[in-house]
All heavy atoms as atom14 arrays in JSON, in Angstrom:
{
  "sequence": "RLTIYDVRGHGRQKGHKEVYRGQEYEVDLLPKVKLETIVPDDRL",
  "atom14_mask": [
    [1, 1, 1, 1, 1, 1, 1, 1, 1, 1, 1, 0, 0, 0],
    [1, 1, 1, 1, 1, 1, 1, 1, 0, 0, 0, 0, 0, 0],
    [1, 1, 1, 1, 1, 1, 1, 0, 0, 0, 0, 0, 0, 0],
    [1, 1, 1, 1, 1, 1, 1, 1, 0, 0, 0, 0, 0, 0],
    [1, 1, 1, 1, 1, 1, 1, 1, 1, 1, 1, 1, 0, 0],
    [1, 1, 1, 1, 1, 1, 1, 1, 0, 0, 0, 0, 0, 0],
    [1, 1, 1, 1, 1, 1, 1, 0, 0, 0, 0, 0, 0, 0],
    [1, 1, 1, 1, 1, 1, 1, 1, 1, 1, 1, 0, 0, 0],
    [1, 1, 1, 1, 0, 0, 0, 0, 0, 0, 0, 0, 0, 0],
    [1, 1, 1, 1, 1, 1, 1, 1, 1, 1, 0, 0, 0, 0],
    [1, 1, 1, 1, 0, 0, 0, 0, 0, 0, 0, 0, 0, 0],
    [1, 1, 1, 1, 1, 1, 1, 1, 1, 1, 1, 0, 0, 0],
    [1, 1, 1, 1, 1, 1, 1, 1, 1, 0, 0, 0, 0, 0],
    [1, 1, 1, 1, 1, 1, 1, 1, 1, 0, 0, 0, 0, 0],
    [1, 1, 1, 1, 0, 0, 0, 0, 0, 0, 0, 0, 0, 0],
    [1, 1, 1, 1, 1, 1, 1, 1, 1, 1, 0, 0, 0, 0],
    [1, 1, 1, 1, 1, 1, 1, 1, 1, 0, 0, 0, 0, 0],
    [1, 1, 1, 1, 1, 1, 1, 1, 1, 0, 0, 0, 0, 0],
    [1, 1, 1, 1, 1, 1, 1, 0, 0, 0, 0, 0, 0, 0],
    [1, 1, 1, 1, 1, 1, 1, 1, 1, 1, 1, 1, 0, 0],
    [1, 1, 1, 1, 1, 1, 1, 1, 1, 1, 1, 0, 0, 0],
    [1, 1, 1, 1, 0, 0, 0, 0, 0, 0, 0, 0, 0, 0],
    [1, 1, 1, 1, 1, 1, 1, 1, 1, 0, 0, 0, 0, 0],
    [1, 1, 1, 1, 1, 1, 1, 1, 1, 0, 0, 0, 0, 0],
    [1, 1, 1, 1, 1, 1, 1, 1, 1, 1, 1, 1, 0, 0],
    [1, 1, 1, 1, 1, 1, 1, 1, 1, 0, 0, 0, 0, 0],
    [1, 1, 1, 1, 1, 1, 1, 0, 0, 0, 0, 0, 0, 0],
    [1, 1, 1, 1, 1, 1, 1, 1, 0, 0, 0, 0, 0, 0],
    [1, 1, 1, 1, 1, 1, 1, 1, 0, 0, 0, 0, 0, 0],
    [1, 1, 1, 1, 1, 1, 1, 1, 0, 0, 0, 0, 0, 0],
    [1, 1, 1, 1, 1, 1, 1, 0, 0, 0, 0, 0, 0, 0],
    [1, 1, 1, 1, 1, 1, 1, 1, 1, 0, 0, 0, 0, 0],
    [1, 1, 1, 1, 1, 1, 1, 0, 0, 0, 0, 0, 0, 0],
    [1, 1, 1, 1, 1, 1, 1, 1, 1, 0, 0, 0, 0, 0],
    [1, 1, 1, 1, 1, 1, 1, 1, 0, 0, 0, 0, 0, 0],
    [1, 1, 1, 1, 1, 1, 1, 1, 1, 0, 0, 0, 0, 0],
    [1, 1, 1, 1, 1, 1, 1, 0, 0, 0, 0, 0, 0, 0],
    [1, 1, 1, 1, 1, 1, 1, 1, 0, 0, 0, 0, 0, 0],
    [1, 1, 1, 1, 1, 1, 1, 0, 0, 0, 0, 0, 0, 0],
    [1, 1, 1, 1, 1, 1, 1, 0, 0, 0, 0, 0, 0, 0],
    [1, 1, 1, 1, 1, 1, 1, 1, 0, 0, 0, 0, 0, 0],
    [1, 1, 1, 1, 1, 1, 1, 1, 0, 0, 0, 0, 0, 0],
    [1, 1, 1, 1, 1, 1, 1, 1, 1, 1, 1, 0, 0, 0],
    [1, 1, 1, 1, 1, 1, 1, 1, 0, 0, 0, 0, 0, 0]
  ],
  "atom14_positions": [
    [[0.85, -1.19, 0.02], [0.01, 0.01, 0.0], [0.88, 1.25, 0.01], [1.5, 1.56, 1.02], [-0.88, 0.0, 1.24], [-1.85, -1.14, 1.21], [-2.61, -1.2, 2.53], [-3.5, -2.32, 2.54], [-3.2, -3.51, 3.12], [-2.04, -3.68, 3.71], [-4.05, -4.49, 3.1], [0.0, 0.0, 0.0], [0.0, 0.0, 0.0], [0.0, 0.0, 0.0]],
    [[0.98, 1.92, -1.14], [1.84, 3.06, -1.28], [1.12, 4.2, -2.04], [0.29, 3.92, -2.93], [3.09, 2.73, -2.09], [4.11, 1.82, -1.52], [5.21, 1.52, -2.54], [4.72, 2.44, -0.27], [0.0, 0.0, 0.0], [0.0, 0.0, 0.0], [0.0, 0.0, 0.0], [0.0, 0.0, 0.0], [0.0, 0.0, 0.0], [0.0, 0.0, 0.0]],
    [[1.44, 5.42, -1.73], [1.12, 6.56, -2.52], [2.45, 7.12, -3.02], [3.37, 7.27, -2.24], [0.37, 7.64, -1.73], [-0.81, 7.03, -1.2], [0.03, 8.82, -2.59], [0.0, 0.0, 0.0], [0.0, 0.0, 0.0], [0.0, 0.0, 0.0], [0.0, 0.0, 0.0], [0.0, 0.0, 0.0], [0.0, 0.0, 0.0], [0.0, 0.0, 0.0]],
    [[2.53, 7.35, -4.31], [3.8, 7.73, -4.94], [3.65, 9.09, -5.65], [2.7, 9.3, -6.4], [4.28, 6.68, -5.93], [4.43, 5.35, -5.23], [5.56, 7.11, -6.64], [4.63, 4.18, -6.14], [0.0, 0.0, 0.0], [0.0, 0.0, 0.0], [0.0, 0.0, 0.0], [0.0, 0.0, 0.0], [0.0, 0.0, 0.0], [0.0, 0.0, 0.0]],
    [[4.56, 9.99, -5.39], [4.56, 11.3, -6.02], [5.9, 11.55, -6.72], [6.95, 11.14, -6.25], [4.5, 12.46, -4.94], [3.38, 12.37, -3.99], [3.5, 11.68, -2.81], [2.18, 13.01, -4.21], [2.43, 11.66, -1.86], [1.13, 13.0, -3.33], [1.28, 12.3, -2.12], [0.26, 12.26, -1.23], [0.0, 0.0, 0.0], [0.0, 0.0, 0.0]],
    [[5.83, 12.26, -7.83], [7.03, 12.76, -8.48], [7.3, 14.15, -7.89], [6.4, 15.0, -7.92], [6.87, 12.89, -10.0], [6.85, 11.52, -10.66], [7.63, 10.66, -10.3], [5.99, 11.36, -11.6], [0.0, 0.0, 0.0], [0.0, 0.0, 0.0], [0.0, 0.0, 0.0], [0.0, 0.0, 0.0], [0.0, 0.0, 0.0], [0.0, 0.0, 0.0]],
    [[8.47, 14.34, -7.3], [8.8, 15.6, -6.68], [10.18, 16.06, -7.13], [10.9, 15.32, -7.78], [8.76, 15.49, -5.11], [7.37, 15.18, -4.65], [9.74, 14.47, -4.62], [0.0, 0.0, 0.0], [0.0, 0.0, 0.0], [0.0, 0.0, 0.0], [0.0, 0.0, 0.0], [0.0, 0.0, 0.0], [0.0, 0.0, 0.0], [0.0, 0.0, 0.0]],
    [[10.52, 17.3, -6.77], [11.87, 17.82, -7.07], [12.39, 18.48, -5.82], [11.64, 19.02, -5.05], [11.82, 18.83, -8.22], [11.42, 18.22, -9.53], [11.5, 19.2, -10.66], [10.68, 20.34, -10.42], [10.88, 21.52, -11.0], [11.81, 21.7, -11.86], [10.11, 22.57, -10.72], [0.0, 0.0, 0.0], [0.0, 0.0, 0.0], [0.0, 0.0, 0.0]],
    [[13.7, 18.43, -5.63], [14.28, 19.08, -4.47], [15.77, 19.0, -4.53], [16.37, 18.45, -5.45], [0.0, 0.0, 0.0], [0.0, 0.0, 0.0], [0.0, 0.0, 0.0], [0.0, 0.0, 0.0], [0.0, 0.0, 0.0], [0.0, 0.0, 0.0], [0.0, 0.0, 0.0], [0.0, 0.0, 0.0], [0.0, 0.0, 0.0], [0.0, 0.0, 0.0]],
    [[16.42, 19.53, -3.52], [17.88, 19.41, -3.4], [18.27, 19.58, -1.91], [17.58, 20.17, -1.11], [18.6, 20.43, -4.26], [18.58, 21.84, -3.75], [19.5, 22.36, -2.86], [17.66, 22.84, -3.97], [19.22, 23.62, -2.59], [18.12, 23.94, -3.23], [0.0, 0.0, 0.0], [0.0, 0.0, 0.0], [0.0, 0.0, 0.0], [0.0, 0.0, 0.0]],
    [[19.36, 18.97, -1.62], [19.95, 19.07, -0.32], [21.44, 19.13, -0.46], [21.98, 19.98, -1.18], [0.0, 0.0, 0.0], [0.0, 0.0, 0.0], [0.0, 0.0, 0.0], [0.0, 0.0, 0.0], [0.0, 0.0, 0.0], [0.0, 0.0, 0.0], [0.0, 0.0, 0.0], [0.0, 0.0, 0.0], [0.0, 0.0, 0.0], [0.0, 0.0, 0.0]],
    [[22.17, 18.18, 0.09], [23.6, 18.16, -0.13], [24.04, 17.89, -1.54], [25.14, 18.17, -1.91], [24.22, 17.08, 0.8], [24.12, 17.48, 2.29], [24.91, 16.47, 3.1], [24.76, 16.84, 4.5], [25.01, 16.04, 5.5], [25.37, 14.77, 5.26], [24.87, 16.45, 6.71], [0.0, 0.0, 0.0], [0.0, 0.0, 0.0], [0.0, 0.0, 0.0]],
    [[23.15, 17.27, -2.29], [23.48, 16.93, -3.66], [23.7, 18.19, -4.52], [24.45, 18.19, -5.48], [22.36, 16.05, -4.26], [22.76, 15.26, -5.46], [21.63, 14.33, -5.87], [20.59, 14.32, -5.31], [21.92, 13.52, -6.87], [0.0, 0.0, 0.0], [0.0, 0.0, 0.0], [0.0, 0.0, 0.0], [0.0, 0.0, 0.0], [0.0, 0.0, 0.0]],
    [[23.01, 19.29, -4.17], [23.17, 20.63, -4.74], [22.78, 20.79, -6.2], [22.58, 21.9, -6.63], [24.59, 21.15, -4.55], [25.05, 21.21, -3.17], [24.4, 22.34, -2.42], [25.05, 22.5, -1.05], [24.17, 22.63, 0.0], [0.0, 0.0, 0.0], [0.0, 0.0, 0.0], [0.0, 0.0, 0.0], [0.0, 0.0, 0.0], [0.0, 0.0, 0.0]],
    [[22.72, 19.82, -6.98], [22.4, 20.01, -8.41], [23.63, 19.89, -9.28], [24.69, 19.5, -8.85], [0.0, 0.0, 0.0], [0.0, 0.0, 0.0], [0.0, 0.0, 0.0], [0.0, 0.0, 0.0], [0.0, 0.0, 0.0], [0.0, 0.0, 0.0], [0.0, 0.0, 0.0], [0.0, 0.0, 0.0], [0.0, 0.0, 0.0], [0.0, 0.0, 0.0]],
    [[23.48, 20.33, -10.53], [24.57, 20.26, -11.48], [24.33, 21.27, -12.63], [23.24, 21.83, -12.73], [24.74, 18.84, -12.02], [23.49, 18.33, -12.72], [22.47, 17.75, -12.03], [23.16, 18.34, -14.02], [21.49, 17.44, -12.87], [21.91, 17.77, -14.07], [0.0, 0.0, 0.0], [0.0, 0.0, 0.0], [0.0, 0.0, 0.0], [0.0, 0.0, 0.0]],
    [[25.36, 21.42, -13.45], [25.2, 22.31, -14.59], [24.97, 21.48, -15.85], [25.54, 20.42, -16.01], [26.49, 23.15, -14.76], [26.65, 24.13, -13.63], [27.86, 25.03, -13.88], [27.98, 25.84, -12.63], [28.42, 27.01, -12.49], [0.0, 0.0, 0.0], [0.0, 0.0, 0.0], [0.0, 0.0, 0.0], [0.0, 0.0, 0.0], [0.0, 0.0, 0.0]],
    [[24.17, 22.02, -16.74], [23.89, 21.39, -18.01], [24.04, 22.44, -19.1], [23.98, 23.65, -18.85], [22.5, 20.79, -18.05], [22.35, 19.53, -17.2], [21.04, 18.83, -17.42], [20.26, 19.23, -18.32], [20.78, 17.88, -16.65], [0.0, 0.0, 0.0], [0.0, 0.0, 0.0], [0.0, 0.0, 0.0], [0.0, 0.0, 0.0], [0.0, 0.0, 0.0]],
    [[24.23, 21.97, -20.33], [24.37, 22.86, -21.48], [23.19, 22.52, -22.42], [22.98, 21.39, -22.76], [25.7, 22.7, -22.2], [25.77, 23.58, -23.46], [26.86, 23.02, -21.25], [0.0, 0.0, 0.0], [0.0, 0.0, 0.0], [0.0, 0.0, 0.0], [0.0, 0.0, 0.0], [0.0, 0.0, 0.0], [0.0, 0.0, 0.0], [0.0, 0.0, 0.0]],
    [[22.48, 23.57, -22.81], [21.35, 23.4, -23.76], [21.49, 24.46, -24.82], [21.48, 25.68, -24.51], [20.01, 23.49, -23.04], [18.82, 23.37, -23.95], [18.5, 22.11, -24.5], [18.03, 24.43, -24.26], [17.39, 21.98, -25.32], [16.94, 24.33, -25.1], [16.63, 23.08, -25.63], [15.58, 22.96, -26.44], [0.0, 0.0, 0.0], [0.0, 0.0, 0.0]],
    [[21.64, 24.05, -26.05], [21.83, 24.97, -27.2], [22.9, 26.02, -26.93], [22.74, 27.21, -27.18], [20.49, 25.67, -27.53], [19.47, 24.65, -28.06], [18.24, 25.38, -28.57], [17.34, 24.44, -29.15], [16.2, 24.74, -29.67], [15.78, 25.97, -29.76], [15.43, 23.77, -30.13], [0.0, 0.0, 0.0], [0.0, 0.0, 0.0], [0.0, 0.0, 0.0]],
    [[24.01, 25.51, -26.4], [25.17, 26.34, -26.16], [25.11, 27.19, -24.92], [26.06, 27.85, -24.57], [0.0, 0.0, 0.0], [0.0, 0.0, 0.0], [0.0, 0.0, 0.0], [0.0, 0.0, 0.0], [0.0, 0.0, 0.0], [0.0, 0.0, 0.0], [0.0, 0.0, 0.0], [0.0, 0.0, 0.0], [0.0, 0.0, 0.0], [0.0, 0.0, 0.0]],
    [[24.0, 27.18, -24.22], [23.87, 27.98, -22.98], [24.01, 27.04, -21.77], [23.38, 26.01, -21.7], [22.51, 28.66, -22.91], [22.29, 29.73, -23.97], [23.13, 30.94, -23.67], [23.54, 31.23, -22.59], [23.44, 31.67, -24.76], [0.0, 0.0, 0.0], [0.0, 0.0, 0.0], [0.0, 0.0, 0.0], [0.0, 0.0, 0.0], [0.0, 0.0, 0.0]],
    [[24.85, 27.43, -20.85], [25.05, 26.64, -19.61], [24.02, 27.17, -18.61], [23.79, 28.35, -18.47], [26.45, 26.87, -19.09], [26.76, 25.97, -17.92], [28.22, 26.08, -17.5], [29.09, 25.42, -18.13], [28.47, 26.82, -16.57], [0.0, 0.0, 0.0], [0.0, 0.0, 0.0], [0.0, 0.0, 0.0], [0.0, 0.0, 0.0], [0.0, 0.0, 0.0]],
    [[23.38, 26.25, -17.9], [22.47, 26.63, -16.82], [22.56, 25.65, -15.69], [22.99, 24.54, -15.84], [21.0, 26.76, -17.36], [20.41, 25.47, -17.87], [19.57, 24.73, -17.03], [20.69, 24.96, -19.13], [18.98, 23.55, -17.47], [20.11, 23.8, -19.58], [19.31, 23.09, -18.76], [18.73, 21.91, -19.18], [0.0, 0.0, 0.0], [0.0, 0.0, 0.0]],
    [[22.14, 26.12, -14.52], [22.2, 25.39, -13.3], [20.87, 24.61, -13.07], [19.81, 25.19, -13.14], [22.42, 26.33, -12.11], [22.62, 25.66, -10.76], [24.01, 25.05, -10.63], [24.94, 25.5, -11.27], [24.12, 24.12, -9.81], [0.0, 0.0, 0.0], [0.0, 0.0, 0.0], [0.0, 0.0, 0.0], [0.0, 0.0, 0.0], [0.0, 0.0, 0.0]],
    [[21.01, 23.3, -12.8], [19.87, 22.49, -12.47], [19.97, 22.23, -10.95], [20.78, 21.4, -10.55], [19.82, 21.15, -13.27], [18.64, 20.28, -12.82], [19.79, 21.42, -14.73], [0.0, 0.0, 0.0], [0.0, 0.0, 0.0], [0.0, 0.0, 0.0], [0.0, 0.0, 0.0], [0.0, 0.0, 0.0], [0.0, 0.0, 0.0], [0.0, 0.0, 0.0]],
    [[19.23, 23.0, -10.16], [19.39, 22.84, -8.7], [18.2, 22.14, -8.04], [18.24, 21.81, -6.87], [19.64, 24.17, -8.05], [18.53, 25.19, -8.28], [17.63, 24.9, -9.05], [18.61, 26.24, -7.63], [0.0, 0.0, 0.0], [0.0, 0.0, 0.0], [0.0, 0.0, 0.0], [0.0, 0.0, 0.0], [0.0, 0.0, 0.0], [0.0, 0.0, 0.0]],
    [[17.13, 21.89, -8.78], [16.04, 21.08, -8.27], [16.02, 19.76, -9.03], [15.69, 19.7, -10.19], [14.69, 21.78, -8.44], [14.53, 23.05, -7.61], [13.21, 23.76, -7.99], [14.62, 22.74, -6.12], [0.0, 0.0, 0.0], [0.0, 0.0, 0.0], [0.0, 0.0, 0.0], [0.0, 0.0, 0.0], [0.0, 0.0, 0.0], [0.0, 0.0, 0.0]],
    [[16.5, 18.71, -8.33], [16.64, 17.41, -8.98], [15.4, 16.55, -8.81], [14.74, 16.62, -7.77], [17.87, 16.72, -8.36], [19.16, 17.5, -8.51], [20.24, 16.85, -7.68], [19.55, 17.64, -9.94], [0.0, 0.0, 0.0], [0.0, 0.0, 0.0], [0.0, 0.0, 0.0], [0.0, 0.0, 0.0], [0.0, 0.0, 0.0], [0.0, 0.0, 0.0]],
    [[15.1, 15.71, -9.79], [13.92, 14.82, -9.66], [14.1, 13.8, -8.57], [15.18, 13.17, -8.48], [13.82, 14.18, -11.03], [15.15, 14.31, -11.67], [15.8, 15.51, -11.06], [0.0, 0.0, 0.0], [0.0, 0.0, 0.0], [0.0, 0.0, 0.0], [0.0, 0.0, 0.0], [0.0, 0.0, 0.0], [0.0, 0.0, 0.0], [0.0, 0.0, 0.0]],
    [[13.07, 13.62, -7.79], [13.03, 12.59, -6.75], [11.66, 11.95, -6.78], [10.75, 12.42, -7.46], [13.27, 13.17, -5.36], [14.57, 13.95, -5.2], [15.72, 13.02, -5.11], [16.99, 13.83, -4.91], [18.14, 13.0, -4.77], [0.0, 0.0, 0.0], [0.0, 0.0, 0.0], [0.0, 0.0, 0.0], [0.0, 0.0, 0.0], [0.0, 0.0, 0.0]],
    [[11.48, 10.9, -6.0], [10.18, 10.26, -5.83], [9.9, 10.24, -4.33], [10.74, 9.95, -3.53], [10.2, 8.81, -6.41], [8.9, 8.08, -6.06], [10.43, 8.82, -7.87], [0.0, 0.0, 0.0], [0.0, 0.0, 0.0], [0.0, 0.0, 0.0], [0.0, 0.0, 0.0], [0.0, 0.0, 0.0], [0.0, 0.0, 0.0], [0.0, 0.0, 0.0]],
    [[8.66, 10.6, -4.0], [8.21, 10.53, -2.61], [7.2, 9.39, -2.45], [6.2, 9.34, -3.2], [7.54, 11.91, -2.2], [7.07, 11.9, -0.79], [6.48, 13.25, -0.47], [5.98, 13.31, 0.98], [5.44, 14.63, 1.29], [0.0, 0.0, 0.0], [0.0, 0.0, 0.0], [0.0, 0.0, 0.0], [0.0, 0.0, 0.0], [0.0, 0.0, 0.0]],
    [[7.46, 8.55, -1.49], [6.57, 7.46, -1.18], [5.91, 7.79, 0.17], [6.56, 8.23, 1.1], [7.31, 6.14, -1.01], [8.25, 5.72, -2.09], [9.01, 4.47, -1.67], [7.5, 5.45, -3.37], [0.0, 0.0, 0.0], [0.0, 0.0, 0.0], [0.0, 0.0, 0.0], [0.0, 0.0, 0.0], [0.0, 0.0, 0.0], [0.0, 0.0, 0.0]],
    [[4.63, 7.48, 0.29], [3.95, 7.61, 1.55], [3.2, 6.33, 1.83], [2.59, 5.73, 0.92], [2.94, 8.75, 1.55], [3.57, 10.13, 1.59], [2.51, 11.19, 1.69], [1.26, 10.9, 1.74], [2.86, 12.39, 1.69], [0.0, 0.0, 0.0], [0.0, 0.0, 0.0], [0.0, 0.0, 0.0], [0.0, 0.0, 0.0], [0.0, 0.0, 0.0]],
    [[3.24, 5.86, 3.07], [2.46, 4.74, 3.46], [2.15, 4.83, 4.95], [2.86, 5.46, 5.68], [3.2, 3.44, 3.13], [2.32, 2.28, 3.34], [4.47, 3.24, 3.95], [0.0, 0.0, 0.0], [0.0, 0.0, 0.0], [0.0, 0.0, 0.0], [0.0, 0.0, 0.0], [0.0, 0.0, 0.0], [0.0, 0.0, 0.0], [0.0, 0.0, 0.0]],
    [[1.09, 4.15, 5.36], [0.7, 4.08, 6.76], [0.84, 2.61, 7.2], [0.45, 1.73, 6.49], [-0.77, 4.51, 6.97], [-1.04, 5.88, 6.33], [-1.13, 4.49, 8.44], [-0.3, 7.03, 6.91], [0.0, 0.0, 0.0], [0.0, 0.0, 0.0], [0.0, 0.0, 0.0], [0.0, 0.0, 0.0], [0.0, 0.0, 0.0], [0.0, 0.0, 0.0]],
    [[1.52, 2.43, 8.36], [1.73, 1.08, 8.84], [1.28, 0.98, 10.3], [1.34, 1.96, 11.05], [3.19, 0.64, 8.73], [3.63, 0.63, 7.28], [4.1, 1.54, 9.5], [0.0, 0.0, 0.0], [0.0, 0.0, 0.0], [0.0, 0.0, 0.0], [0.0, 0.0, 0.0], [0.0, 0.0, 0.0], [0.0, 0.0, 0.0], [0.0, 0.0, 0.0]],
    [[0.86, -0.21, 10.75], [0.66, -0.44, 12.17], [1.98, -0.25, 12.94], [3.05, -0.5, 12.4], [0.15, -1.86, 12.29], [-0.2, -2.28, 10.87], [0.6, -1.41, 9.98], [0.0, 0.0, 0.0], [0.0, 0.0, 0.0], [0.0, 0.0, 0.0], [0.0, 0.0, 0.0], [0.0, 0.0, 0.0], [0.0, 0.0, 0.0], [0.0, 0.0, 0.0]],
    [[1.92, 0.14, 14.19], [3.08, 0.34, 14.99], [4.07, -0.86, 14.98], [5.3, -0.68, 14.95], [2.77, 0.71, 16.44], [2.09, 2.04, 16.56], [2.26, 2.91, 15.64], [1.39, 2.28, 17.54], [0.0, 0.0, 0.0], [0.0, 0.0, 0.0], [0.0, 0.0, 0.0], [0.0, 0.0, 0.0], [0.0, 0.0, 0.0], [0.0, 0.0, 0.0]],
    [[3.52, -2.06, 15.01], [4.37, -3.25, 15.09], [5.11, -3.56, 13.8], [6.04, -4.36, 13.81], [3.53, -4.46, 15.56], [2.42, -4.82, 14.61], [1.98, -3.98, 13.85], [2.02, -6.02, 14.62], [0.0, 0.0, 0.0], [0.0, 0.0, 0.0], [0.0, 0.0, 0.0], [0.0, 0.0, 0.0], [0.0, 0.0, 0.0], [0.0, 0.0, 0.0]],
    [[4.77, -2.94, 12.68], [5.47, -3.18, 11.41], [6.42, -2.02, 11.02], [7.05, -2.12, 10.0], [4.46, -3.36, 10.27], [3.57, -4.55, 10.5], [3.34, -5.48, 9.36], [4.44, -5.73, 8.43], [4.24, -5.77, 7.12], [3.04, -5.6, 6.6], [5.25, -6.0, 6.32], [0.0, 0.0, 0.0], [0.0, 0.0, 0.0], [0.0, 0.0, 0.0]],
    [[6.44, -0.98, 11.84], [7.2, 0.2, 11.5], [8.69, -0.1, 11.21], [9.2, 0.24, 10.12], [7.13, 1.24, 12.63], [7.97, 2.48, 12.42], [7.5, 3.28, 11.21], [7.98, 3.31, 13.68], [0.0, 0.0, 0.0], [0.0, 0.0, 0.0], [0.0, 0.0, 0.0], [0.0, 0.0, 0.0], [0.0, 0.0, 0.0], [0.0, 0.0, 0.0]]
  ]
}
């Protein structure tokens, strides 16, 4: 039983630089996946 979201963020990873059509730009929000689930205390 999961709920799954596509999210973006950054922490220590900080992002990276990319080049598109000769222009360099900073990608600082990286794609991540967020999972949510509820469990009974004994399965935590």
